[in-house]
Amino acid sequence: MSDAPETKPGDWIKIGSVDCLVIEVHSPDRASDKVDVICNPARPAVYGANWVGDKWEFAHPMRGDYAEHHPAAAPYVDWLKAGRD
């Protein structure tokens, strides 16, 4: 079991200074250390993220997919553009 905080699709997390919306958790255990996130409201993109020590980090910061190419991201694009509450 991971020491990552419990997350589920629709949760907001911070990666560095970037607000990200979780779109997929890669484990049936909500405390997964691997998730997919969507960020960048101006041009929504999907990235992998890992829990490393005590924080979330982008798995490959330069290798995101535009949200329109990632079907799982579609329900979250408007939510991302609206921003955090």
C-alpha atoms as a PDB file:
ATOM      1  CA  MET A   1       0.000   0.000   0.000  1.00  0.00           C
ATOM      2  CA  SER A   2       1.201   3.472  -0.886  1.00  0.00           C
ATOM      3  CA  ASP A   3       1.685   6.380   1.504  1.00  0.00           C
ATOM      4  CA  ALA A   4       0.045   8.649  -1.094  1.00  0.00           C
ATOM      5  CA  PRO A   5      -3.035  10.570   0.036  1.00  0.00           C
ATOM      6  CA  GLU A   6      -6.378   9.121  -0.981  1.00  0.00           C
ATOM      7  CA  THR A   7      -7.491  10.500  -4.350  1.00  0.00           C
ATOM      8  CA  LYS A   8     -10.341   9.892  -6.740  1.00  0.00           C
ATOM      9  CA  PRO A   9     -11.332  11.289 -10.116  1.00  0.00           C
ATOM     10  CA  GLY A  10     -12.489  14.871  -9.671  1.00  0.00           C
ATOM     11  CA  ASP A  11     -10.076  15.679  -6.817  1.00  0.00           C
ATOM     12  CA  TRP A  12      -7.803  18.712  -7.163  1.00  0.00           C
ATOM     13  CA  ILE A  13      -4.112  18.213  -6.390  1.00  0.00           C
ATOM     14  CA  LYS A  14      -1.078  20.510  -6.620  1.00  0.00           C
ATOM     15  CA  ILE A  15       2.000  19.536  -8.584  1.00  0.00           C
ATOM     16  CA  GLY A  16       4.541  22.195  -7.760  1.00  0.00           C
ATOM     17  CA  SER A  17       2.554  25.397  -8.278  1.00  0.00           C
ATOM     18  CA  VAL A  18       0.172  23.844 -10.830  1.00  0.00           C
ATOM     19  CA  ASP A  19      -3.472  23.085  -9.985  1.00  0.00           C
ATOM     20  CA  CYS A  20      -4.391  19.714 -11.491  1.00  0.00           C
ATOM     21  CA  LEU A  21      -7.607  17.737 -11.628  1.00  0.00           C
ATOM     22  CA  VAL A  22      -7.359  13.965 -11.145  1.00  0.00           C
ATOM     23  CA  ILE A  23      -9.050  12.097 -14.003  1.00  0.00           C
ATOM     24  CA  GLU A  24      -7.872   8.540 -13.329  1.00  0.00           C
ATOM     25  CA  VAL A  25      -6.399   6.573 -10.415  1.00  0.00           C
ATOM     26  CA  HIS A  26      -4.205   3.632 -11.443  1.00  0.00           C
ATOM     27  CA  SER A  27      -5.191   1.289  -8.656  1.00  0.00           C
ATOM     28  CA  PRO A  28      -8.385   0.079  -7.055  1.00  0.00           C
ATOM     29  CA  ASP A  29      -6.887   1.454  -3.818  1.00  0.00           C
ATOM     30  CA  ARG A  30      -7.614   5.192  -3.682  1.00  0.00           C
ATOM     31  CA  ALA A  31      -4.216   5.732  -2.062  1.00  0.00           C
ATOM     32  CA  SER A  32      -2.530   4.977  -5.389  1.00  0.00           C
ATOM     33  CA  ASP A  33       0.837   6.580  -6.062  1.00  0.00           C
ATOM     34  CA  LYS A  34       0.069   6.879  -9.816  1.00  0.00           C
ATOM     35  CA  VAL A  35      -2.692   9.036 -11.266  1.00  0.00           C
ATOM     36  CA  ASP A  36      -3.534  10.853 -14.496  1.00  0.00           C
ATOM     37  CA  VAL A  37      -4.326  14.544 -14.218  1.00  0.00           C
ATOM     38  CA  ILE A  38      -5.563  17.324 -16.467  1.00  0.00           C
ATOM     39  CA  CYS A  39      -4.139  20.840 -16.171  1.00  0.00           C
ATOM     40  CA  ASN A  40      -3.645  24.075 -18.128  1.00  0.00           C
ATOM     41  CA  PRO A  41      -7.120  25.571 -18.604  1.00  0.00           C
ATOM     42  CA  ALA A  42      -5.967  27.585 -21.653  1.00  0.00           C
ATOM     43  CA  ARG A  43      -4.944  24.394 -23.508  1.00  0.00           C
ATOM     44  CA  PRO A  44      -6.035  21.391 -21.417  1.00  0.00           C
ATOM     45  CA  ALA A  45      -3.488  18.589 -21.343  1.00  0.00           C
ATOM     46  CA  VAL A  46      -3.276  15.224 -19.611  1.00  0.00           C
ATOM     47  CA  TYR A  47      -0.179  14.119 -17.695  1.00  0.00           C
ATOM     48  CA  GLY A  48       0.816  11.179 -15.561  1.00  0.00           C
ATOM     49  CA  ALA A  49       1.708  12.005 -11.967  1.00  0.00           C
ATOM     50  CA  ASN A  50       3.435  10.045  -9.215  1.00  0.00           C
ATOM     51  CA  TRP A  51       3.499  10.428  -5.445  1.00  0.00           C
ATOM     52  CA  VAL A  52       7.172  10.813  -4.539  1.00  0.00           C
ATOM     53  CA  GLY A  53       8.028  11.028  -0.849  1.00  0.00           C
ATOM     54  CA  ASP A  54       5.624  13.709   0.353  1.00  0.00           C
ATOM     55  CA  LYS A  55       4.388  15.375  -2.845  1.00  0.00           C
ATOM     56  CA  TRP A  56       2.943  14.825  -6.304  1.00  0.00           C
ATOM     57  CA  GLU A  57       5.313  15.139  -9.295  1.00  0.00           C
ATOM     58  CA  PHE A  58       4.711  14.956 -13.029  1.00  0.00           C
ATOM     59  CA  ALA A  59       5.863  11.554 -14.297  1.00  0.00           C
ATOM     60  CA  HIS A  60       7.130  13.096 -17.555  1.00  0.00           C
ATOM     61  CA  PRO A  61       6.665  16.884 -17.485  1.00  0.00           C
ATOM     62  CA  MET A  62       7.267  17.339 -21.206  1.00  0.00           C
ATOM     63  CA  ARG A  63       5.072  14.437 -22.347  1.00  0.00           C
ATOM     64  CA  GLY A  64       1.447  15.395 -21.966  1.00  0.00           C
ATOM     65  CA  ASP A  65      -1.400  14.681 -24.376  1.00  0.00           C
ATOM     66  CA  TYR A  66      -3.902  17.318 -25.366  1.00  0.00           C
ATOM     67  CA  ALA A  67      -7.208  16.559 -23.691  1.00  0.00           C
ATOM     68  CA  GLU A  68      -9.067  16.167 -26.971  1.00  0.00           C
ATOM     69  CA  HIS A  69      -6.862  13.127 -27.686  1.00  0.00           C
ATOM     70  CA  HIS A  70      -7.623  11.521 -24.312  1.00  0.00           C
ATOM     71  CA  PRO A  71     -11.288  10.391 -24.078  1.00  0.00           C
ATOM     72  CA  ALA A  72     -11.173  10.002 -20.274  1.00  0.00           C
ATOM     73  CA  ALA A  73     -10.432  13.739 -19.977  1.00  0.00           C
ATOM     74  CA  ALA A  74     -13.574  14.947 -21.768  1.00  0.00           C
ATOM     75  CA  PRO A  75     -15.842  15.101 -18.686  1.00  0.00           C
ATOM     76  CA  TYR A  76     -13.239  17.161 -16.791  1.00  0.00           C
ATOM     77  CA  VAL A  77     -12.332  19.885 -19.307  1.00  0.00           C
ATOM     78  CA  ASP A  78     -15.142  22.290 -18.343  1.00  0.00           C
ATOM     79  CA  TRP A  79     -14.464  21.644 -14.665  1.00  0.00           C
ATOM     80  CA  LEU A  80     -10.782  22.481 -15.181  1.00  0.00           C
ATOM     81  CA  LYS A  81     -11.646  25.673 -17.052  1.00  0.00           C
ATOM     82  CA  ALA A  82     -13.980  26.758 -14.224  1.00  0.00           C
ATOM     83  CA  GLY A  83     -11.093  26.421 -11.746  1.00  0.00           C
ATOM     84  CA  ARG A  84     -10.971  25.449  -8.117  1.00  0.00           C
ATOM     85  CA  ASP A  85     -13.774  26.543  -5.820  1.00  0.00           C
END
